[in-house]
């Protein structure tokens, strides 16, 4: 009976240690992911504003950009 209690305690301590390690590792990964998503949103906003400016000032250039980047690589070949 005493052995079973000690084994349950040992497994509980090992489980707490494992959960702590997982959250420490994933905490950094989640932080890095949010940083990259925030950076991507900023790039998207700046790119959208630049494209809008090109579209207003030079519609022909905007049409060429749209044709160049439209579609996937598989449909081009």
PDB file of N, CA and C in Angstrom:
ATOM      1  N   UNK A   1       0.832  -1.190   0.000  1.00  0.00           N
ATOM      2  CA  UNK A   1       0.000   0.000   0.000  1.00  0.00           C
ATOM      3  C   UNK A   1       0.881   1.259   0.000  1.00  0.00           C
ATOM      4  N   UNK A   2       1.906   1.228   0.836  1.00  0.00           N
ATOM      5  CA  UNK A   2       2.811   2.379   0.908  1.00  0.00           C
ATOM      6  C   UNK A   2       3.569   2.555  -0.416  1.00  0.00           C
ATOM      7  N   UNK A   3       3.922   1.427  -1.032  1.00  0.00           N
ATOM      8  CA  UNK A   3       4.625   1.466  -2.310  1.00  0.00           C
ATOM      9  C   UNK A   3       3.732   2.104  -3.391  1.00  0.00           C
ATOM     10  N   UNK A   4       2.459   1.796  -3.421  1.00  0.00           N
ATOM     11  CA  UNK A   4       1.531   2.361  -4.398  1.00  0.00           C
ATOM     12  C   UNK A   4       1.396   3.872  -4.209  1.00  0.00           C
ATOM     13  N   UNK A   5       1.352   4.318  -2.972  1.00  0.00           N
ATOM     14  CA  UNK A   5       1.249   5.758  -2.691  1.00  0.00           C
ATOM     15  C   UNK A   5       2.500   6.477  -3.179  1.00  0.00           C
ATOM     16  N   UNK A   6       3.673   5.892  -2.919  1.00  0.00           N
ATOM     17  CA  UNK A   6       4.917   6.505  -3.381  1.00  0.00           C
ATOM     18  C   UNK A   6       5.003   6.541  -4.913  1.00  0.00           C
ATOM     19  N   UNK A   7       4.531   5.486  -5.566  1.00  0.00           N
ATOM     20  CA  UNK A   7       4.566   5.451  -7.030  1.00  0.00           C
ATOM     21  C   UNK A   7       3.618   6.500  -7.628  1.00  0.00           C
ATOM     22  N   UNK A   8       2.452   6.671  -7.030  1.00  0.00           N
ATOM     23  CA  UNK A   8       1.523   7.700  -7.503  1.00  0.00           C
ATOM     24  C   UNK A   8       2.143   9.077  -7.323  1.00  0.00           C
ATOM     25  N   UNK A   9       2.782   9.305  -6.200  1.00  0.00           N
ATOM     26  CA  UNK A   9       3.464  10.583  -5.962  1.00  0.00           C
ATOM     27  C   UNK A   9       4.599  10.812  -6.946  1.00  0.00           C
ATOM     28  N   UNK A  10       5.368   9.752  -7.230  1.00  0.00           N
ATOM     29  CA  UNK A  10       6.477   9.868  -8.177  1.00  0.00           C
ATOM     30  C   UNK A  10       5.957  10.204  -9.576  1.00  0.00           C
ATOM     31  N   UNK A  11       4.895   9.517 -10.010  1.00  0.00           N
ATOM     32  CA  UNK A  11       4.329   9.812 -11.318  1.00  0.00           C
ATOM     33  C   UNK A  11       3.725  11.216 -11.378  1.00  0.00           C
ATOM     34  N   UNK A  12       3.141  11.670 -10.295  1.00  0.00           N
ATOM     35  CA  UNK A  12       2.591  13.023 -10.261  1.00  0.00           C
ATOM     36  C   UNK A  12       3.718  14.056 -10.390  1.00  0.00           C
ATOM     37  N   UNK A  13       4.834  13.826  -9.698  1.00  0.00           N
ATOM     38  CA  UNK A  13       5.967  14.752  -9.783  1.00  0.00           C
ATOM     39  C   UNK A  13       6.569  14.739 -11.198  1.00  0.00           C
ATOM     40  N   UNK A  14       6.703  13.554 -11.783  1.00  0.00           N
ATOM     41  CA  UNK A  14       7.219  13.463 -13.139  1.00  0.00           C
ATOM     42  C   UNK A  14       6.277  14.146 -14.137  1.00  0.00           C
ATOM     43  N   UNK A  15       4.985  13.996 -13.930  1.00  0.00           N
ATOM     44  CA  UNK A  15       4.003  14.655 -14.795  1.00  0.00           C
ATOM     45  C   UNK A  15       4.089  16.168 -14.690  1.00  0.00           C
ATOM     46  N   UNK A  16       4.225  16.692 -13.478  1.00  0.00           N
ATOM     47  CA  UNK A  16       4.358  18.137 -13.298  1.00  0.00           C
ATOM     48  C   UNK A  16       5.634  18.649 -13.951  1.00  0.00           C
ATOM     49  N   UNK A  17       6.717  17.880 -13.817  1.00  0.00           N
ATOM     50  CA  UNK A  17       7.976  18.268 -14.456  1.00  0.00           C
ATOM     51  C   UNK A  17       7.823  18.285 -15.978  1.00  0.00           C
ATOM     52  N   UNK A  18       7.181  17.257 -16.530  1.00  0.00           N
ATOM     53  CA  UNK A  18       6.993  17.175 -17.983  1.00  0.00           C
ATOM     54  C   UNK A  18       6.111  18.314 -18.488  1.00  0.00           C
ATOM     55  N   UNK A  19       5.041  18.621 -17.778  1.00  0.00           N
ATOM     56  CA  UNK A  19       4.152  19.715 -18.186  1.00  0.00           C
ATOM     57  C   UNK A  19       4.899  21.047 -18.134  1.00  0.00           C
ATOM     58  N   UNK A  20       5.703  21.245 -17.094  1.00  0.00           N
ATOM     59  CA  UNK A  20       6.495  22.474 -16.996  1.00  0.00           C
ATOM     60  C   UNK A  20       7.475  22.614 -18.150  1.00  0.00           C
ATOM     61  N   UNK A  21       8.140  21.541 -18.518  1.00  0.00           N
ATOM     62  CA  UNK A  21       9.090  21.587 -19.630  1.00  0.00           C
ATOM     63  C   UNK A  21       8.375  21.872 -20.954  1.00  0.00           C
ATOM     64  N   UNK A  22       7.223  21.247 -21.161  1.00  0.00           N
ATOM     65  CA  UNK A  22       6.478  21.456 -22.408  1.00  0.00           C
ATOM     66  C   UNK A  22       6.046  22.911 -22.521  1.00  0.00           C
ATOM     67  N   UNK A  23       5.541  23.492 -21.440  1.00  0.00           N
ATOM     68  CA  UNK A  23       5.087  24.875 -21.524  1.00  0.00           C
ATOM     69  C   UNK A  23       6.252  25.839 -21.671  1.00  0.00           C
ATOM     70  N   UNK A  24       7.407  25.517 -21.130  1.00  0.00           N
ATOM     71  CA  UNK A  24       8.569  26.376 -21.337  1.00  0.00           C
ATOM     72  C   UNK A  24       9.003  26.341 -22.792  1.00  0.00           C
ATOM     73  N   UNK A  25       9.005  25.176 -23.395  1.00  0.00           N
ATOM     74  CA  UNK A  25       9.418  25.069 -24.793  1.00  0.00           C
ATOM     75  C   UNK A  25       8.385  25.693 -25.721  1.00  0.00           C
ATOM     76  N   UNK A  26       7.120  25.385 -25.520  1.00  0.00           N
ATOM     77  CA  UNK A  26       6.084  25.900 -26.399  1.00  0.00           C
ATOM     78  C   UNK A  26       5.831  27.384 -26.179  1.00  0.00           C
ATOM     79  N   UNK A  27       6.167  27.903 -25.015  1.00  0.00           N
ATOM     80  CA  UNK A  27       6.003  29.337 -24.767  1.00  0.00           C
ATOM     81  C   UNK A  27       6.853  30.159 -25.718  1.00  0.00           C
ATOM     82  N   UNK A  28       8.094  29.732 -25.923  1.00  0.00           N
ATOM     83  CA  UNK A  28       8.970  30.426 -26.863  1.00  0.00           C
ATOM     84  C   UNK A  28       8.486  30.301 -28.286  1.00  0.00           C
ATOM     85  N   UNK A  29       7.991  29.126 -28.646  1.00  0.00           N
ATOM     86  CA  UNK A  29       7.494  28.910 -30.008  1.00  0.00           C
ATOM     87  C   UNK A  29       6.249  29.748 -30.255  1.00  0.00           C
ATOM     88  N   UNK A  30       5.360  29.823 -29.274  1.00  0.00           N
ATOM     89  CA  UNK A  30       4.147  30.641 -29.427  1.00  0.00           C
ATOM     90  C   UNK A  30       4.518  32.119 -29.537  1.00  0.00           C
ATOM     91  N   UNK A  31       5.472  32.574 -28.736  1.00  0.00           N
ATOM     92  CA  UNK A  31       5.921  33.960 -28.815  1.00  0.00           C
ATOM     93  C   UNK A  31       6.525  34.279 -30.169  1.00  0.00           C
ATOM     94  N   UNK A  32       7.354  33.372 -30.685  1.00  0.00           N
ATOM     95  CA  UNK A  32       7.950  33.565 -32.005  1.00  0.00           C
ATOM     96  C   UNK A  32       6.887  33.589 -33.091  1.00  0.00           C
ATOM     97  N   UNK A  33       5.882  32.737 -32.961  1.00  0.00           N
ATOM     98  CA  UNK A  33       4.792  32.698 -33.940  1.00  0.00           C
ATOM     99  C   UNK A  33       4.020  34.013 -33.957  1.00  0.00           C
ATOM    100  N   UNK A  34       3.705  34.542 -32.781  1.00  0.00           N
ATOM    101  CA  UNK A  34       2.984  35.813 -32.728  1.00  0.00           C
ATOM    102  C   UNK A  34       3.826  36.951 -33.293  1.00  0.00           C
ATOM    103  N   UNK A  35       5.148  36.924 -33.065  1.00  0.00           N
ATOM    104  CA  UNK A  35       6.032  37.944 -33.618  1.00  0.00           C
ATOM    105  C   UNK A  35       6.013  37.888 -35.142  1.00  0.00           C
ATOM    106  N   UNK A  36       6.102  36.685 -35.704  1.00  0.00           N
ATOM    107  CA  UNK A  36       6.112  36.530 -37.160  1.00  0.00           C
ATOM    108  C   UNK A  36       4.767  36.932 -37.760  1.00  0.00           C
ATOM    109  N   UNK A  37       3.674  36.573 -37.099  1.00  0.00           N
ATOM    110  CA  UNK A  37       2.346  36.973 -37.595  1.00  0.00           C
ATOM    111  C   UNK A  37       2.199  38.493 -37.563  1.00  0.00           C
ATOM    112  N   UNK A  38       2.660  39.141 -36.503  1.00  0.00           N
ATOM    113  CA  UNK A  38       2.598  40.598 -36.420  1.00  0.00           C
ATOM    114  C   UNK A  38       3.425  41.255 -37.514  1.00  0.00           C
ATOM    115  N   UNK A  39       4.615  40.701 -37.775  1.00  0.00           N
ATOM    116  CA  UNK A  39       5.458  41.229 -38.838  1.00  0.00           C
ATOM    117  C   UNK A  39       4.805  41.037 -40.202  1.00  0.00           C
ATOM    118  N   UNK A  40       4.172  39.892 -40.419  1.00  0.00           N
ATOM    119  CA  UNK A  40       3.495  39.631 -41.690  1.00  0.00           C
ATOM    120  C   UNK A  40       2.329  40.596 -41.896  1.00  0.00           C
ATOM    121  N   UNK A  41       1.606  40.905 -40.838  1.00  0.00           N
ATOM    122  CA  UNK A  41       0.487  41.852 -40.955  1.00  0.00           C
ATOM    123  C   UNK A  41       0.998  43.237 -41.325  1.00  0.00           C
ATOM    124  N   UNK A  42       2.110  43.659 -40.728  1.00  0.00           N
ATOM    125  CA  UNK A  42       2.680  44.970 -41.054  1.00  0.00           C
ATOM    126  C   UNK A  42       3.132  45.018 -42.509  1.00  0.00           C
ATOM    127  N   UNK A  43       3.787  43.949 -42.976  1.00  0.00           N
ATOM    128  CA  UNK A  43       4.225  43.897 -44.375  1.00  0.00           C
ATOM    129  C   UNK A  43       3.021  43.917 -45.308  1.00  0.00           C
ATOM    130  N   UNK A  44       1.960  43.209 -44.951  1.00  0.00           N
ATOM    131  CA  UNK A  44       0.743  43.195 -45.757  1.00  0.00           C
ATOM    132  C   UNK A  44       0.125  44.582 -45.859  1.00  0.00           C
ATOM    133  N   UNK A  45       0.090  45.301 -44.757  1.00  0.00           N
ATOM    134  CA  UNK A  45      -0.494  46.648 -44.770  1.00  0.00           C
ATOM    135  C   UNK A  45       0.344  47.585 -45.633  1.00  0.00           C
ATOM    136  N   UNK A  46       1.669  47.556 -45.465  1.00  0.00           N
ATOM    137  CA  UNK A  46       2.535  48.437 -46.252  1.00  0.00           C
ATOM    138  C   UNK A  46       2.448  48.076 -47.735  1.00  0.00           C
ATOM    139  N   UNK A  47       2.478  46.789 -48.059  1.00  0.00           N
ATOM    140  CA  UNK A  47       2.368  46.363 -49.453  1.00  0.00           C
ATOM    141  C   UNK A  47       1.036  46.756 -50.068  1.00  0.00           C
ATOM    142  N   UNK A  48      -0.032  46.625 -49.297  1.00  0.00           N
ATOM    143  CA  UNK A  48      -1.349  47.030 -49.785  1.00  0.00           C
ATOM    144  C   UNK A  48      -1.427  48.519 -50.057  1.00  0.00           C
ATOM    145  N   UNK A  49      -0.839  49.318 -49.166  1.00  0.00           N
ATOM    146  CA  UNK A  49      -0.838  50.767 -49.386  1.00  0.00           C
ATOM    147  C   UNK A  49      -0.010  51.140 -50.611  1.00  0.00           C
ATOM    148  N   UNK A  50       1.133  50.473 -50.793  1.00  0.00           N
ATOM    149  CA  UNK A  50       1.948  50.750 -51.975  1.00  0.00           C
ATOM    150  C   UNK A  50       1.210  50.358 -53.255  1.00  0.00           C
ATOM    151  N   UNK A  51       0.579  49.202 -53.241  1.00  0.00           N
ATOM    152  CA  UNK A  51      -0.169  48.772 -54.429  1.00  0.00           C
ATOM    153  C   UNK A  51      -1.327  49.724 -54.715  1.00  0.00           C
ATOM    154  N   UNK A  52      -2.018  50.165 -53.669  1.00  0.00           N
ATOM    155  CA  UNK A  52      -3.120  51.106 -53.860  1.00  0.00           C
ATOM    156  C   UNK A  52      -2.604  52.408 -54.469  1.00  0.00           C
ATOM    157  N   UNK A  53      -1.451  52.871 -53.996  1.00  0.00           N
ATOM    158  CA  UNK A  53      -0.855  54.081 -54.558  1.00  0.00           C
ATOM    159  C   UNK A  53      -0.484  53.909 -56.013  1.00  0.00           C
ATOM    160  N   UNK A  54       0.114  52.750 -56.354  1.00  0.00           N
ATOM    161  CA  UNK A  54       0.452  52.479 -57.755  1.00  0.00           C
ATOM    162  C   UNK A  54      -0.816  52.384 -58.600  1.00  0.00           C
ATOM    163  N   UNK A  55      -1.848  51.793 -58.038  1.00  0.00           N
ATOM    164  CA  UNK A  55      -3.112  51.631 -58.787  1.00  0.00           C
ATOM    165  C   UNK A  55      -3.759  52.983 -59.076  1.00  0.00           C
ATOM    166  N   UNK A  56      -3.655  53.894 -58.134  1.00  0.00           N
ATOM    167  CA  UNK A  56      -4.252  55.222 -58.342  1.00  0.00           C
ATOM    168  C   UNK A  56      -3.400  56.039 -59.310  1.00  0.00           C
ATOM    169  N   UNK A  57      -2.084  56.020 -59.149  1.00  0.00           N
ATOM    170  CA  UNK A  57      -1.211  56.866 -59.950  1.00  0.00           C
ATOM    171  C   UNK A  57      -0.910  56.278 -61.333  1.00  0.00           C
ATOM    172  N   UNK A  58      -0.816  54.954 -61.434  1.00  0.00           N
ATOM    173  CA  UNK A  58      -0.451  54.332 -62.712  1.00  0.00           C
ATOM    174  C   UNK A  58      -1.199  53.010 -62.872  1.00  0.00           C
ATOM    175  N   UNK A  59      -2.423  53.056 -63.393  1.00  0.00           N
ATOM    176  CA  UNK A  59      -3.216  51.821 -63.526  1.00  0.00           C
ATOM    177  C   UNK A  59      -2.576  50.775 -64.442  1.00  0.00           C
ATOM    178  N   UNK A  60      -1.822  51.187 -65.440  1.00  0.00           N
ATOM    179  CA  UNK A  60      -1.172  50.236 -66.341  1.00  0.00           C
ATOM    180  C   UNK A  60      -0.126  49.402 -65.611  1.00  0.00           C
ATOM    181  N   UNK A  61       0.647  50.043 -64.761  1.00  0.00           N
ATOM    182  CA  UNK A  61       1.651  49.323 -63.974  1.00  0.00           C
ATOM    183  C   UNK A  61       0.981  48.366 -63.006  1.00  0.00           C
ATOM    184  N   UNK A  62      -0.114  48.797 -62.415  1.00  0.00           N
ATOM    185  CA  UNK A  62      -0.840  47.919 -61.493  1.00  0.00           C
ATOM    186  C   UNK A  62      -1.385  46.702 -62.236  1.00  0.00           C
ATOM    187  N   UNK A  63      -1.837  46.888 -63.474  1.00  0.00           N
ATOM    188  CA  UNK A  63      -2.330  45.762 -64.272  1.00  0.00           C
ATOM    189  C   UNK A  63      -1.203  44.785 -64.575  1.00  0.00           C
ATOM    190  N   UNK A  64      -0.021  45.295 -64.921  1.00  0.00           N
ATOM    191  CA  UNK A  64       1.122  44.416 -65.189  1.00  0.00           C
ATOM    192  C   UNK A  64       1.541  43.655 -63.941  1.00  0.00           C
ATOM    193  N   UNK A  65       1.522  44.314 -62.788  1.00  0.00           N
ATOM    194  CA  UNK A  65       1.852  43.622 -61.530  1.00  0.00           C
ATOM    195  C   UNK A  65       0.832  42.528 -61.234  1.00  0.00           C
ATOM    196  N   UNK A  66      -0.442  42.829 -61.438  1.00  0.00           N
ATOM    197  CA  UNK A  66      -1.490  41.855 -61.182  1.00  0.00           C
ATOM    198  C   UNK A  66      -1.335  40.642 -62.103  1.00  0.00           C
ATOM    199  N   UNK A  67      -1.031  40.874 -63.371  1.00  0.00           N
ATOM    200  CA  UNK A  67      -0.837  39.763 -64.308  1.00  0.00           C
ATOM    201  C   UNK A  67       0.407  38.947 -63.964  1.00  0.00           C
ATOM    202  N   UNK A  68       1.435  39.614 -63.509  1.00  0.00           N
ATOM    203  CA  UNK A  68       2.688  38.919 -63.196  1.00  0.00           C
ATOM    204  C   UNK A  68       2.544  37.993 -61.995  1.00  0.00           C
ATOM    205  N   UNK A  69       1.864  38.448 -60.962  1.00  0.00           N
ATOM    206  CA  UNK A  69       1.776  37.673 -59.725  1.00  0.00           C
ATOM    207  C   UNK A  69       0.483  36.877 -59.595  1.00  0.00           C
ATOM    208  N   UNK A  70      -0.409  36.942 -60.553  1.00  0.00           N
ATOM    209  CA  UNK A  70      -1.666  36.201 -60.481  1.00  0.00           C
ATOM    210  C   UNK A  70      -1.434  34.745 -60.877  1.00  0.00           C
ATOM    211  N   UNK A  71      -2.218  33.854 -60.290  1.00  0.00           N
ATOM    212  CA  UNK A  71      -2.124  32.437 -60.634  1.00  0.00           C
ATOM    213  C   UNK A  71      -1.006  31.742 -59.891  1.00  0.00           C
ATOM    214  N   UNK A  72      -0.999  30.433 -60.016  1.00  0.00           N
ATOM    215  CA  UNK A  72       0.043  29.642 -59.369  1.00  0.00           C
ATOM    216  C   UNK A  72       1.104  29.277 -60.389  1.00  0.00           C
ATOM    217  N   UNK A  73       2.194  28.750 -59.945  1.00  0.00           N
ATOM    218  CA  UNK A  73       3.270  28.359 -60.841  1.00  0.00           C
ATOM    219  C   UNK A  73       2.853  27.184 -61.717  1.00  0.00           C
ATOM    220  N   UNK A  74       1.943  26.362 -61.237  1.00  0.00           N
ATOM    221  CA  UNK A  74       1.511  25.203 -62.029  1.00  0.00           C
ATOM    222  C   UNK A  74       0.681  25.617 -63.237  1.00  0.00           C
ATOM    223  N   UNK A  75      -0.073  26.708 -63.117  1.00  0.00           N
ATOM    224  CA  UNK A  75      -0.898  27.135 -64.241  1.00  0.00           C
ATOM    225  C   UNK A  75      -0.075  27.894 -65.271  1.00  0.00           C
ATOM    226  N   UNK A  76       1.094  28.355 -64.913  1.00  0.00           N
ATOM    227  CA  UNK A  76       1.927  29.106 -65.870  1.00  0.00           C
ATOM    228  C   UNK A  76       2.576  28.176 -66.887  1.00  0.00           C
ATOM    229  N   UNK A  77       2.838  26.935 -66.533  1.00  0.00           N
ATOM    230  CA  UNK A  77       3.590  26.028 -67.410  1.00  0.00           C
ATOM    231  C   UNK A  77       2.710  25.096 -68.165  1.00  0.00           C
TER     232      UNK A  77
END
